[in-house]
Amino acid sequence: MAEVLTLSYLGTIDPTPIESNSVVAFTTFKDLISYLFRKGNEEKDVNHATIVVINQRYDAQSSIKDLDSLSFIDKRLLLRYFFNHLNVIAIHYNELNKSPVLNRLTTNIASHISQRITRVETWTGTGFKGINDVWTFIDNEEEKFTESSFISTMSSLLSSNINKNHITTKRLISLKDLIIKEIDFLDLLTTPQERLPKIGEYVGHWCFPAHELSNDDLVYCVYLMIKYSLDQLPRDCGLHFPSNNELLGFVFSVRDTYRNGNPFHNFRHATDVLQACFHFLIRLDCLPVPEQMTLDPNGPEIQNSDKCKFEGLVELKSSGKYISEVSNVSPGGRRLSTFNIGHLNPIETFGLLIAAIGHDVGHPGVTNAFMTKYFAPTSLMYNGKSVLESFHSSIFINKVLSVSWPSLLDVFMDSNEKLTMRELIISCILATDMAEHFEYIGKIAMFKDDIKSSPESKVQLISSLLIKCADISNVTRPLRVSAQWALVLSREFDEVAKLEKNIIANQTSESVTEDIDLDPKYIKLPISLQKIIEAQPEIHKGQIFFIDVFAESLFKSVVGVLPELQYTCDVISSNKSFWYERRDKVNI
């Protein structure tokens, strides 16, 4: 069963020939697009097709004048590109006579994505049922209208975006500009007005309560941090400076490229990593201190406020001072450049933040080891080397940035013009591969006293180290928030185990345990530490293992060259003590 959306300029549409769960009618394309963008705040894992029936003249060409004047061809291009995550099937009203084919199509799509485990199998290409098999020949012309054309997978998304030509890219940029012109993204947010100052305070606190924020709240958090960094850049840096609405539209596009159904690797995690990088950069004097920043990483948490109507922008305000001027948290008040490592300039700082928000786009909720073990098509494309990280960087650059912010990719980091933003983003995202973890610790030791390294290699290494730390910063958060991240990570690992069991069962023709997934919404977490532990009594085991094997050594090594980040090691030590004490109590 599908969700059916109708858009008519030529009289009413009777969609009853299509079997559907719901039907929503629109009289303007703007309202239809706004409806699809709003879906991102629902945090639902999409488990059906979305059929859009458009009743208008079938123009061969259109001018980029306004959204409603677009031809059917351009409307379909826009829907498929910006909302491919919703498995959109855009048809002309005249094609309703193909309803039997459409009904079979949506039934087939449901068989691939109606349940969580089969959705992950389909997205990764590891399922028993093949998708996008180019060697499947279909004789019946009507039956070429198949699910392989409409179910988005990792490999199809990768292929479509690296293979689009410059003419298509230019057309998509024009369509994006039209969306920005006509749609007020502020109006699409549900975050209440009186909550906006609180969101600024959340961003400024190391105890960032990501799991108590809605997806719309998170959009605004991202907007605040990107806008704050953007405001520090010189206007002659070669970058297009977006309007507030354009910047919000960019964040919406990034959000829609993440997978809502993942317990851990989702837009919430991406926002959390961005916020960690943001704090690191402030501590390192790369950004001035916002007035909303709480300097004590263990300071009192901020309480939520009641809801009311959302009416205006509230942004982070700069104090005009750097951390070394307002506190003693930087040893001796020294700047990063004192360590012969190189102070990140404003454009380098901005590049790191952009990489952070896009570092996991399209993440399937499984590991590189899983992708390689079960011969996922994307793994074959990258020969098993940093599979997910290569995929993320390609999609972020070739799908999101190439259309939503193309000028950003070719900006140089400094006057030497040896390092572009594109190169910095790629190196940062590739650095998040945990397989490279110990190699980077080795690089820190070698790099500490190496004054011969080129400036651009220093920038890449420092940026890579910061995003690596941010990527696993959940163990450095105050205990309650850290435990929430541990809980969702354990849920994702449980899903991977269930997925492997399903694949093995299919390979051996054994019966498979049914995966019930009737309401694929984001599952809210317990707020109190006690409730978190009750939900996962053995949570201490994973935390102790991860801290001892990975996190503690990385943060200690990084603090060896960047002592301003000492607070992360302090929090890790405190958390570690708590988990060891719990282990000892449980074992008594």
Protein backbone atom coordinates (compact mmCIF):
# COMPACT_ATOMS: atom_id res chain seq x y z
CA MET A 1 0.00 0.00 0.00
CA ALA A 2 1.25 3.48 -0.85
CA GLU A 3 0.67 7.03 0.28
CA VAL A 4 -0.95 8.96 -2.57
CA LEU A 5 -0.52 12.70 -3.09
CA THR A 6 -2.47 14.49 -5.80
CA LEU A 7 -1.70 17.82 -7.47
CA SER A 8 -4.26 19.14 -9.92
CA TYR A 9 -4.54 22.25 -12.04
CA LEU A 10 -7.17 20.77 -14.37
CA GLY A 11 -10.02 19.60 -12.16
CA THR A 12 -10.28 16.99 -9.42
CA ILE A 13 -8.38 13.72 -9.41
CA ASP A 14 -9.96 10.41 -8.48
CA PRO A 15 -7.08 8.31 -7.08
CA THR A 16 -9.26 5.37 -6.01
CA PRO A 17 -7.82 3.01 -8.67
CA ILE A 18 -4.59 3.10 -6.64
CA GLU A 19 -4.57 1.05 -3.45
CA SER A 20 -3.39 3.40 -0.73
CA ASN A 21 -3.05 3.94 2.99
CA SER A 22 -3.90 7.63 2.69
CA VAL A 23 -4.62 10.30 0.10
CA VAL A 24 -3.71 13.98 0.46
CA ALA A 25 -4.77 16.53 -2.16
CA PHE A 26 -2.86 19.69 -3.08
CA THR A 27 -3.64 22.61 -5.35
CA THR A 28 -0.12 24.06 -5.45
CA PHE A 29 3.24 22.40 -5.95
CA LYS A 30 4.70 24.57 -3.18
CA ASP A 31 2.31 23.07 -0.63
CA LEU A 32 3.09 19.54 -1.81
CA ILE A 33 6.84 20.09 -1.49
CA SER A 34 6.41 21.70 1.93
CA TYR A 35 4.44 18.64 3.05
CA LEU A 36 7.29 16.35 1.96
CA PHE A 37 9.94 18.44 3.70
CA ARG A 38 7.90 18.41 6.93
CA LYS A 39 8.01 14.62 6.95
CA GLY A 40 11.61 14.83 8.15
CA ASN A 41 10.50 15.86 11.62
CA GLU A 42 8.33 12.74 11.99
CA GLU A 43 11.47 10.59 12.34
CA LYS A 44 9.78 7.68 10.66
CA ASP A 45 11.66 5.03 8.76
CA VAL A 46 9.95 5.10 5.34
CA ASN A 47 8.27 1.73 4.76
CA HIS A 48 6.15 2.37 1.67
CA ALA A 49 6.10 4.10 -1.70
CA THR A 50 4.82 7.63 -2.21
CA ILE A 51 2.81 8.06 -5.42
CA VAL A 52 2.38 11.64 -6.65
CA VAL A 53 -0.36 12.06 -9.28
CA ILE A 54 -0.06 15.32 -11.22
CA ASN A 55 -2.85 16.63 -13.44
CA GLN A 56 -1.51 19.27 -15.81
CA ARG A 57 -0.57 19.76 -19.42
CA TYR A 58 2.28 17.44 -20.36
CA ASP A 59 4.67 20.23 -21.42
CA ALA A 60 7.92 19.15 -23.01
CA GLN A 61 9.74 22.19 -21.66
CA SER A 62 9.24 24.86 -19.03
CA SER A 63 10.91 28.03 -17.88
CA ILE A 64 12.23 28.27 -14.34
CA LYS A 65 9.67 30.88 -13.34
CA ASP A 66 7.85 29.48 -10.34
CA LEU A 67 7.14 26.04 -8.94
CA ASP A 68 3.65 25.70 -10.40
CA SER A 69 4.75 26.70 -13.92
CA LEU A 70 7.27 23.85 -14.07
CA SER A 71 6.57 21.15 -16.62
CA PHE A 72 5.62 17.68 -15.47
CA ILE A 73 9.14 16.54 -16.43
CA ASP A 74 10.75 19.13 -14.14
CA LYS A 75 8.33 18.41 -11.33
CA ARG A 76 9.19 14.74 -11.56
CA LEU A 77 12.93 15.53 -11.61
CA LEU A 78 12.58 17.72 -8.53
CA LEU A 79 10.57 15.10 -6.62
CA ARG A 80 12.89 12.24 -7.44
CA TYR A 81 16.05 14.18 -6.61
CA PHE A 82 15.06 15.91 -3.38
CA PHE A 83 12.73 13.20 -2.05
CA ASN A 84 14.19 9.95 -3.32
CA HIS A 85 14.36 8.78 0.32
CA LEU A 86 10.54 8.66 0.25
CA ASN A 87 10.55 6.26 -2.74
CA VAL A 88 8.60 8.75 -4.83
CA ILE A 89 6.75 7.59 -7.95
CA ALA A 90 5.59 10.69 -9.86
CA ILE A 91 2.99 9.92 -12.54
CA HIS A 92 0.87 11.99 -14.87
CA TYR A 93 -2.88 11.83 -14.43
CA ASN A 94 -3.13 10.03 -17.78
CA GLU A 95 -1.11 7.14 -16.33
CA LEU A 96 -3.81 6.24 -13.82
CA ASN A 97 -4.98 3.73 -16.39
CA LYS A 98 -1.89 1.76 -15.36
CA SER A 99 -3.23 1.35 -11.82
CA PRO A 100 -2.99 -2.48 -11.88
CA VAL A 101 0.72 -2.16 -12.64
CA LEU A 102 1.12 0.54 -9.99
CA ASN A 103 -0.65 -1.60 -7.39
CA ARG A 104 1.60 -4.55 -8.15
CA LEU A 105 4.57 -2.21 -8.01
CA THR A 106 3.70 -0.79 -4.57
CA THR A 107 3.04 -4.32 -3.29
CA ASN A 108 6.49 -5.38 -4.49
CA ILE A 109 8.06 -2.31 -2.92
CA ALA A 110 6.36 -3.12 0.38
CA SER A 111 7.82 -6.63 0.27
CA HIS A 112 11.29 -5.04 0.27
CA ILE A 113 10.84 -2.25 2.82
CA SER A 114 7.75 -2.90 4.95
CA GLN A 115 9.86 -4.13 7.89
CA ARG A 116 13.02 -2.75 9.43
CA ILE A 117 15.37 -5.64 8.72
CA THR A 118 14.30 -5.98 5.08
CA ARG A 119 14.70 -2.21 4.66
CA VAL A 120 18.33 -2.44 5.76
CA GLU A 121 18.86 -5.45 3.50
CA THR A 122 17.38 -3.54 0.58
CA TRP A 123 19.31 -0.31 1.28
CA THR A 124 22.63 -2.15 1.57
CA GLY A 125 21.93 -4.65 -1.24
CA THR A 126 22.54 -7.65 1.02
CA GLY A 127 18.99 -8.99 0.89
CA PHE A 128 17.75 -12.20 -0.65
CA LYS A 129 15.63 -10.27 -3.17
CA GLY A 130 17.65 -8.46 -5.81
CA ILE A 131 17.11 -4.78 -6.57
CA ASN A 132 18.43 -2.78 -9.54
CA ASP A 133 19.72 -5.93 -11.26
CA VAL A 134 20.76 -4.69 -14.70
CA TRP A 135 20.88 -8.27 -16.01
CA THR A 136 17.13 -8.77 -15.44
CA PHE A 137 15.39 -8.57 -18.82
CA ILE A 138 11.69 -7.68 -18.95
CA ASP A 139 9.83 -8.28 -22.19
CA ASN A 140 6.54 -6.63 -21.23
CA GLU A 141 6.85 -2.88 -21.70
CA GLU A 142 4.39 -2.15 -18.89
CA GLU A 143 6.29 -4.32 -16.44
CA LYS A 144 9.39 -2.19 -16.92
CA PHE A 145 7.57 0.09 -14.50
CA THR A 146 9.25 -1.88 -11.67
CA GLU A 147 10.33 -1.35 -8.09
CA SER A 148 13.99 -1.20 -9.14
CA SER A 149 13.31 2.25 -10.60
CA PHE A 150 11.86 3.66 -7.41
CA ILE A 151 13.38 1.98 -4.36
CA SER A 152 16.37 3.99 -3.27
CA THR A 153 19.45 1.91 -2.42
CA MET A 154 23.01 2.83 -1.55
CA SER A 155 24.32 1.72 -4.92
CA SER A 156 21.54 3.38 -6.94
CA LEU A 157 21.98 6.65 -5.04
CA LEU A 158 25.71 6.53 -5.59
CA SER A 159 25.40 5.69 -9.27
CA SER A 160 22.76 8.29 -10.08
CA ASN A 161 24.70 11.11 -8.45
CA ILE A 162 28.17 10.39 -9.78
CA ASN A 163 26.77 9.86 -13.26
CA LYS A 164 24.59 12.95 -13.58
CA ASN A 165 26.00 15.33 -16.18
CA HIS A 166 26.62 19.05 -15.81
CA ILE A 167 23.39 19.92 -17.65
CA THR A 168 21.31 17.96 -15.16
CA THR A 169 23.26 19.48 -12.27
CA LYS A 170 22.61 23.00 -13.56
CA ARG A 171 18.90 22.18 -13.89
CA LEU A 172 18.80 20.84 -10.35
CA ILE A 173 20.52 23.96 -9.03
CA SER A 174 17.87 26.07 -10.76
CA LEU A 175 15.13 23.96 -9.20
CA LYS A 176 16.79 24.25 -5.79
CA ASP A 177 16.95 28.03 -6.18
CA LEU A 178 13.25 28.05 -7.01
CA ILE A 179 12.47 26.05 -3.87
CA ILE A 180 14.47 28.53 -1.77
CA LYS A 181 12.68 31.44 -3.42
CA GLU A 182 9.17 30.16 -2.78
CA ILE A 183 9.36 28.13 0.42
CA ASP A 184 9.99 29.69 3.82
CA PHE A 185 11.82 26.93 5.68
CA LEU A 186 11.30 28.69 8.98
CA ASP A 187 7.57 28.09 8.53
CA LEU A 188 8.22 24.38 8.10
CA LEU A 189 9.73 24.04 11.58
CA THR A 190 7.54 23.08 14.52
CA THR A 191 9.97 24.28 17.18
CA PRO A 192 8.11 26.75 19.45
CA GLN A 193 9.28 30.35 19.68
CA GLU A 194 10.08 30.41 23.39
CA ARG A 195 12.18 27.28 22.93
CA LEU A 196 14.58 29.03 20.53
CA PRO A 197 16.74 30.66 23.23
CA LYS A 198 16.90 27.26 24.95
CA ILE A 199 18.20 25.68 21.74
CA GLY A 200 21.03 28.21 21.71
CA GLU A 201 21.85 27.27 25.30
CA TYR A 202 21.75 23.55 24.43
CA VAL A 203 24.27 24.17 21.66
CA GLY A 204 26.51 26.02 24.11
CA HIS A 205 26.53 23.22 26.70
CA TRP A 206 28.80 20.17 26.59
CA CYS A 207 25.94 18.15 28.08
CA PHE A 208 24.11 18.41 24.74
CA PRO A 209 20.76 16.54 25.20
CA ALA A 210 20.42 15.36 21.60
CA HIS A 211 17.93 12.62 22.45
CA GLU A 212 15.53 15.08 24.06
CA LEU A 213 15.37 17.26 20.94
CA SER A 214 13.06 16.82 17.96
CA ASN A 215 14.43 16.60 14.43
CA ASP A 216 13.24 20.18 13.87
CA ASP A 217 15.10 21.26 17.03
CA LEU A 218 18.20 19.58 15.62
CA VAL A 219 17.80 21.40 12.30
CA TYR A 220 17.88 24.66 14.20
CA CYS A 221 20.90 23.58 16.23
CA VAL A 222 22.78 22.89 13.00
CA TYR A 223 21.64 26.21 11.53
CA LEU A 224 22.92 28.08 14.59
CA MET A 225 26.39 26.54 14.48
CA ILE A 226 26.91 26.79 10.72
CA LYS A 227 25.62 30.38 10.69
CA TYR A 228 27.87 31.34 13.60
CA SER A 229 30.98 29.99 11.83
CA LEU A 230 29.87 31.50 8.52
CA ASP A 231 29.65 34.94 10.13
CA GLN A 232 33.36 34.74 11.02
CA LEU A 233 34.45 34.38 7.37
CA PRO A 234 35.78 37.24 5.27
CA ARG A 235 33.37 38.14 2.48
CA ASP A 236 36.13 37.90 -0.14
CA CYS A 237 36.94 34.22 0.54
CA GLY A 238 35.26 33.07 -2.70
CA LEU A 239 32.34 31.41 -0.96
CA HIS A 240 28.69 32.08 -1.74
CA PHE A 241 27.11 33.38 1.47
CA PRO A 242 23.58 31.97 1.65
CA SER A 243 20.59 33.82 3.02
CA ASN A 244 19.11 32.54 6.28
CA ASN A 245 16.38 30.75 4.35
CA GLU A 246 18.89 29.22 1.94
CA LEU A 247 21.00 27.99 4.84
CA LEU A 248 17.95 26.42 6.49
CA GLY A 249 17.08 24.78 3.17
CA PHE A 250 20.58 23.33 3.02
CA VAL A 251 20.18 21.83 6.50
CA PHE A 252 16.83 20.31 5.48
CA SER A 253 18.51 18.69 2.47
CA VAL A 254 21.26 17.26 4.66
CA ARG A 255 18.74 15.93 7.18
CA ASP A 256 16.76 14.16 4.46
CA THR A 257 19.89 12.32 3.34
CA TYR A 258 20.19 10.56 6.71
CA ARG A 259 18.21 7.42 7.57
CA ASN A 260 15.64 8.09 10.31
CA GLY A 261 15.30 4.42 11.22
CA ASN A 262 18.89 3.96 12.41
CA PRO A 263 19.02 3.88 16.22
CA PHE A 264 22.48 5.51 16.31
CA HIS A 265 23.81 6.60 12.91
CA ASN A 266 21.18 9.20 12.06
CA PHE A 267 20.78 12.99 11.84
CA ARG A 268 20.82 13.19 15.64
CA HIS A 269 24.31 11.66 15.71
CA ALA A 270 25.47 13.98 12.92
CA THR A 271 24.25 17.02 14.87
CA ASP A 272 25.97 15.73 18.00
CA VAL A 273 29.27 15.32 16.14
CA LEU A 274 28.92 18.83 14.72
CA GLN A 275 28.26 20.21 18.20
CA ALA A 276 31.35 18.44 19.57
CA CYS A 277 33.52 19.87 16.79
CA PHE A 278 31.99 23.29 17.47
CA HIS A 279 33.05 23.09 21.13
CA PHE A 280 36.52 21.83 20.26
CA LEU A 281 37.05 24.76 17.90
CA ILE A 282 35.93 27.26 20.52
CA ARG A 283 38.26 25.71 23.09
CA LEU A 284 41.10 25.96 20.57
CA ASP A 285 40.47 29.67 19.94
CA CYS A 286 39.39 29.01 16.36
CA LEU A 287 35.98 30.59 17.04
CA PRO A 288 35.03 33.35 19.48
CA VAL A 289 33.05 32.28 22.54
CA PRO A 290 29.26 32.54 22.08
CA GLU A 291 27.41 34.34 24.86
CA GLN A 292 25.29 31.20 25.27
CA MET A 293 28.29 28.95 26.00
CA THR A 294 28.60 27.17 29.37
CA LEU A 295 32.31 26.85 30.11
CA ASP A 296 31.96 24.13 32.72
CA PRO A 297 31.46 20.82 30.84
CA ASN A 298 29.75 19.40 33.95
CA GLY A 299 27.60 22.47 34.58
CA PRO A 300 23.89 22.20 35.45
CA GLU A 301 21.73 20.92 32.59
CA ILE A 302 19.20 23.18 30.89
CA GLN A 303 15.53 22.42 31.44
CA ASN A 304 13.04 22.15 28.58
CA SER A 305 10.38 24.82 28.07
CA ASP A 306 6.70 24.61 27.13
CA LYS A 307 5.55 24.79 23.53
CA CYS A 308 4.07 27.76 21.71
CA LYS A 309 4.01 29.22 18.19
CA PHE A 310 7.32 29.49 16.28
CA GLU A 311 7.69 33.07 14.99
CA GLY A 312 11.25 34.20 14.44
CA LEU A 313 14.99 33.66 14.29
CA VAL A 314 17.14 33.54 17.39
CA GLU A 315 20.87 33.11 16.77
CA LEU A 316 24.06 32.55 18.71
CA LYS A 317 25.68 35.81 19.78
CA SER A 318 29.43 36.26 19.86
CA SER A 319 31.00 37.62 23.01
CA GLY A 320 33.76 39.03 20.81
CA LYS A 321 36.34 37.23 22.96
CA TYR A 322 38.20 33.96 22.67
CA ILE A 323 38.38 31.22 25.28
CA SER A 324 41.94 32.16 26.28
CA GLU A 325 40.65 35.63 27.15
CA VAL A 326 37.68 34.61 29.27
CA SER A 327 38.80 31.54 31.20
CA ASN A 328 41.72 29.51 32.41
CA VAL A 329 40.68 26.32 30.63
CA SER A 330 43.40 26.77 27.99
CA PRO A 331 46.73 26.00 29.68
CA GLY A 332 48.48 29.32 30.15
CA GLY A 333 45.92 30.92 27.85
CA ARG A 334 48.02 29.74 24.91
CA ARG A 335 46.69 29.54 21.39
CA LEU A 336 46.92 26.45 19.18
CA SER A 337 49.70 28.02 17.09
CA THR A 338 52.04 27.90 20.11
CA PHE A 339 52.38 24.15 19.56
CA ASN A 340 53.74 24.56 16.01
CA ILE A 341 50.65 22.74 14.77
CA GLY A 342 48.98 25.61 13.02
CA HIS A 343 45.92 27.56 14.05
CA LEU A 344 42.88 26.68 11.92
CA ASN A 345 41.82 29.81 10.09
CA PRO A 346 38.10 30.71 9.74
CA ILE A 347 37.62 28.93 6.39
CA GLU A 348 39.36 25.78 7.65
CA THR A 349 37.21 25.92 10.77
CA PHE A 350 34.10 26.26 8.64
CA GLY A 351 35.18 23.34 6.43
CA LEU A 352 35.54 21.05 9.44
CA LEU A 353 32.02 21.91 10.63
CA ILE A 354 30.56 21.23 7.18
CA ALA A 355 32.36 17.87 7.06
CA ALA A 356 30.98 17.04 10.51
CA ILE A 357 27.32 17.49 9.59
CA GLY A 358 27.72 15.42 6.41
CA HIS A 359 30.10 12.75 7.67
CA ASP A 360 27.51 9.92 7.88
CA VAL A 361 24.92 10.78 5.20
CA GLY A 362 23.09 7.69 3.99
CA HIS A 363 24.56 5.49 6.73
CA PRO A 364 22.85 2.06 6.62
CA GLY A 365 23.16 1.31 10.33
CA VAL A 366 25.68 -1.50 9.77
CA THR A 367 29.48 -1.69 9.84
CA ASN A 368 32.15 -1.83 7.16
CA ALA A 369 32.86 -5.40 8.24
CA PHE A 370 29.22 -6.32 7.59
CA MET A 371 29.20 -4.61 4.19
CA THR A 372 32.34 -6.48 3.13
CA LYS A 373 31.39 -9.86 4.62
CA TYR A 374 28.06 -9.99 2.77
CA PHE A 375 29.32 -8.49 -0.50
CA ALA A 376 27.18 -5.36 -0.45
CA PRO A 377 27.40 -3.70 -3.89
CA THR A 378 28.89 -0.55 -2.37
CA SER A 379 31.59 -2.65 -0.76
CA LEU A 380 32.45 -4.10 -4.17
CA MET A 381 32.62 -0.59 -5.65
CA TYR A 382 35.22 0.45 -3.08
CA ASN A 383 37.01 -2.92 -2.88
CA GLY A 384 36.26 -3.22 0.82
CA LYS A 385 38.37 -0.17 1.74
CA SER A 386 36.69 2.45 3.99
CA VAL A 387 33.42 1.50 2.31
CA LEU A 388 30.97 3.57 4.32
CA GLU A 389 33.25 6.58 4.65
CA SER A 390 33.89 6.62 0.89
CA PHE A 391 30.15 6.37 0.30
CA HIS A 392 29.36 9.19 2.75
CA SER A 393 31.90 11.57 1.24
CA SER A 394 30.74 10.84 -2.31
CA ILE A 395 27.04 11.32 -1.52
CA PHE A 396 27.64 14.44 0.54
CA ILE A 397 29.70 16.05 -2.20
CA ASN A 398 27.97 14.78 -5.35
CA LYS A 399 24.37 14.84 -4.16
CA VAL A 400 24.06 17.45 -1.43
CA LEU A 401 26.82 20.03 -1.89
CA SER A 402 27.04 19.95 -5.69
CA VAL A 403 23.44 21.22 -5.84
CA SER A 404 22.77 22.94 -2.51
CA TRP A 405 26.12 24.76 -2.11
CA PRO A 406 28.38 24.21 -5.16
CA SER A 407 30.70 27.18 -4.58
CA LEU A 408 31.77 25.68 -1.28
CA LEU A 409 33.58 22.76 -2.94
CA ASP A 410 36.15 24.80 -4.83
CA VAL A 411 37.05 27.35 -2.14
CA PHE A 412 40.72 27.27 -1.17
CA MET A 413 41.69 27.03 2.48
CA ASP A 414 44.31 29.79 2.25
CA SER A 415 46.22 32.01 -0.17
CA ASN A 416 48.59 29.17 -1.10
CA GLU A 417 45.68 27.53 -2.99
CA LYS A 418 46.97 24.01 -2.27
CA LEU A 419 43.98 22.64 -0.37
CA THR A 420 40.34 22.97 -1.40
CA MET A 421 37.28 22.61 0.78
CA ARG A 422 36.35 19.50 -1.23
CA GLU A 423 39.68 17.86 -0.32
CA LEU A 424 39.36 18.83 3.34
CA ILE A 425 35.83 17.40 3.58
CA ILE A 426 36.89 14.12 1.98
CA SER A 427 39.93 13.69 4.22
CA CYS A 428 37.86 14.46 7.33
CA ILE A 429 35.11 11.97 6.49
CA LEU A 430 37.58 9.23 5.54
CA ALA A 431 39.32 9.76 8.88
CA THR A 432 36.19 8.58 10.73
CA ASP A 433 36.85 4.98 9.63
CA MET A 434 37.54 3.16 12.91
CA ALA A 435 39.87 0.80 11.02
CA GLU A 436 42.28 3.76 10.85
CA HIS A 437 41.98 4.47 14.57
CA PHE A 438 45.38 3.27 15.76
CA GLU A 439 47.10 4.58 12.65
CA TYR A 440 45.96 8.08 13.58
CA ILE A 441 47.25 7.66 17.13
CA GLY A 442 50.60 6.80 15.56
CA LYS A 443 50.40 9.89 13.35
CA ILE A 444 49.98 12.08 16.43
CA ALA A 445 53.21 10.77 17.93
CA MET A 446 55.10 11.29 14.66
CA PHE A 447 53.58 14.68 13.97
CA LYS A 448 54.09 16.28 17.37
CA ASP A 449 57.66 17.36 16.72
CA ASP A 450 57.56 17.40 12.91
CA ILE A 451 58.00 21.02 11.88
CA LYS A 452 58.67 20.13 8.23
CA SER A 453 55.15 19.05 7.39
CA SER A 454 53.38 21.25 4.87
CA PRO A 455 50.71 23.63 6.23
CA GLU A 456 47.95 21.86 4.29
CA SER A 457 48.90 18.43 5.69
CA LYS A 458 48.84 19.90 9.20
CA VAL A 459 45.39 21.31 8.58
CA GLN A 460 44.15 17.96 7.29
CA LEU A 461 45.61 16.04 10.23
CA ILE A 462 44.31 18.40 12.92
CA SER A 463 40.87 18.50 11.26
CA SER A 464 40.85 14.71 10.97
CA LEU A 465 41.80 14.28 14.61
CA LEU A 466 39.08 16.67 15.76
CA ILE A 467 36.34 14.98 13.77
CA LYS A 468 37.56 11.56 14.93
CA CYS A 469 37.31 12.71 18.53
CA ALA A 470 33.90 14.24 17.88
CA ASP A 471 32.67 11.04 16.23
CA ILE A 472 33.25 9.06 19.42
CA SER A 473 32.70 11.96 21.82
CA ASN A 474 29.63 10.29 23.37
CA VAL A 475 31.93 8.69 25.98
CA THR A 476 33.22 12.15 26.92
CA ARG A 477 29.76 13.59 27.56
CA PRO A 478 28.42 13.85 31.12
CA LEU A 479 27.30 10.43 32.29
CA ARG A 480 23.54 10.58 31.71
CA VAL A 481 23.87 11.74 28.10
CA SER A 482 26.78 9.38 27.51
CA ALA A 483 24.63 6.47 28.72
CA GLN A 484 21.84 7.41 26.32
CA TRP A 485 24.26 7.15 23.41
CA ALA A 486 25.47 3.79 24.70
CA LEU A 487 21.88 2.54 24.77
CA VAL A 488 21.08 3.47 21.16
CA LEU A 489 24.39 2.05 19.97
CA SER A 490 23.54 -1.26 21.61
CA ARG A 491 20.18 -1.20 19.82
CA GLU A 492 21.93 -0.74 16.49
CA PHE A 493 24.33 -3.60 17.21
CA ASP A 494 21.34 -5.79 18.09
CA GLU A 495 19.82 -4.96 14.71
CA VAL A 496 23.02 -5.94 12.91
CA ALA A 497 23.00 -9.29 14.74
CA LYS A 498 19.37 -9.84 13.72
CA LEU A 499 20.21 -8.86 10.15
CA GLU A 500 23.07 -11.35 9.97
CA LYS A 501 20.81 -14.07 11.33
CA ASN A 502 18.26 -13.23 8.65
CA ILE A 503 20.83 -13.36 5.85
CA ILE A 504 22.19 -16.72 7.02
CA ALA A 505 18.68 -18.13 7.32
CA ASN A 506 17.87 -17.05 3.77
CA GLN A 507 21.06 -18.60 2.48
CA THR A 508 20.23 -21.94 4.14
CA SER A 509 16.47 -21.76 3.41
CA GLU A 510 15.68 -21.86 7.12
CA SER A 511 12.65 -20.14 8.62
CA VAL A 512 13.22 -16.53 9.58
CA THR A 513 11.89 -14.88 12.72
CA GLU A 514 9.26 -12.33 11.73
CA ASP A 515 10.37 -8.74 12.13
CA ILE A 516 7.35 -6.79 13.37
CA ASP A 517 7.56 -3.14 12.31
CA LEU A 518 4.06 -1.73 12.20
CA ASP A 519 4.93 1.80 13.36
CA PRO A 520 8.54 2.60 12.39
CA LYS A 521 8.95 5.71 14.54
CA TYR A 522 12.00 6.87 16.46
CA ILE A 523 11.90 5.22 19.88
CA LYS A 524 12.38 7.81 22.62
CA LEU A 525 14.93 7.03 25.30
CA PRO A 526 14.69 7.05 29.08
CA ILE A 527 15.89 10.35 30.49
CA SER A 528 17.23 9.34 33.91
CA LEU A 529 20.45 7.37 34.28
CA GLN A 530 18.70 4.78 36.44
CA LYS A 531 16.04 4.14 33.79
CA ILE A 532 18.73 3.82 31.10
CA ILE A 533 20.57 1.19 33.13
CA GLU A 534 17.32 -0.66 33.80
CA ALA A 535 16.66 -0.74 30.05
CA GLN A 536 20.15 -2.16 29.40
CA PRO A 537 21.56 -3.72 32.61
CA GLU A 538 24.84 -4.74 30.98
CA ILE A 539 25.53 -1.38 29.40
CA HIS A 540 28.72 -1.03 31.45
CA LYS A 541 30.42 -3.84 29.51
CA GLY A 542 30.38 -2.04 26.18
CA GLN A 543 31.37 1.26 27.76
CA ILE A 544 34.35 -0.20 29.58
CA PHE A 545 35.52 -2.02 26.45
CA PHE A 546 35.21 1.02 24.17
CA ILE A 547 36.87 3.42 26.60
CA ASP A 548 39.75 1.06 27.39
CA VAL A 549 40.44 -0.07 23.81
CA PHE A 550 39.66 3.01 21.72
CA ALA A 551 38.53 6.27 23.28
CA GLU A 552 40.91 6.84 26.17
CA SER A 553 44.07 6.35 24.12
CA LEU A 554 42.85 8.64 21.34
CA PHE A 555 41.81 11.49 23.60
CA LYS A 556 44.97 11.26 25.70
CA SER A 557 47.09 11.37 22.55
CA VAL A 558 45.17 14.34 21.17
CA VAL A 559 45.34 16.20 24.48
CA GLY A 560 49.10 15.68 24.35
CA VAL A 561 49.22 18.14 21.45
CA LEU A 562 46.00 20.05 22.16
CA PRO A 563 45.89 20.43 25.97
CA GLU A 564 42.91 22.78 25.69
CA LEU A 565 40.78 19.63 25.29
CA GLN A 566 41.84 18.19 28.65
CA TYR A 567 38.24 18.37 29.86
CA THR A 568 37.34 15.43 27.57
CA CYS A 569 39.85 13.17 29.33
CA ASP A 570 38.56 14.34 32.70
CA VAL A 571 35.01 13.35 31.83
CA ILE A 572 36.12 10.00 30.34
CA SER A 573 37.98 9.24 33.57
CA SER A 574 34.91 10.06 35.66
CA ASN A 575 32.60 7.98 33.45
CA LYS A 576 35.04 5.08 33.41
CA SER A 577 35.16 5.03 37.20
CA PHE A 578 31.37 4.88 37.35
CA TRP A 579 31.17 1.94 34.92
CA TYR A 580 33.92 0.03 36.74
CA GLU A 581 32.12 0.54 40.05
CA ARG A 582 28.89 -0.73 38.49
CA ARG A 583 30.70 -3.76 37.07
CA ASP A 584 32.10 -4.57 40.49
CA LYS A 585 28.67 -4.24 42.12
CA VAL A 586 27.03 -6.49 39.51
CA ASN A 587 29.75 -9.12 39.94
CA ILE A 588 29.43 -9.29 43.71
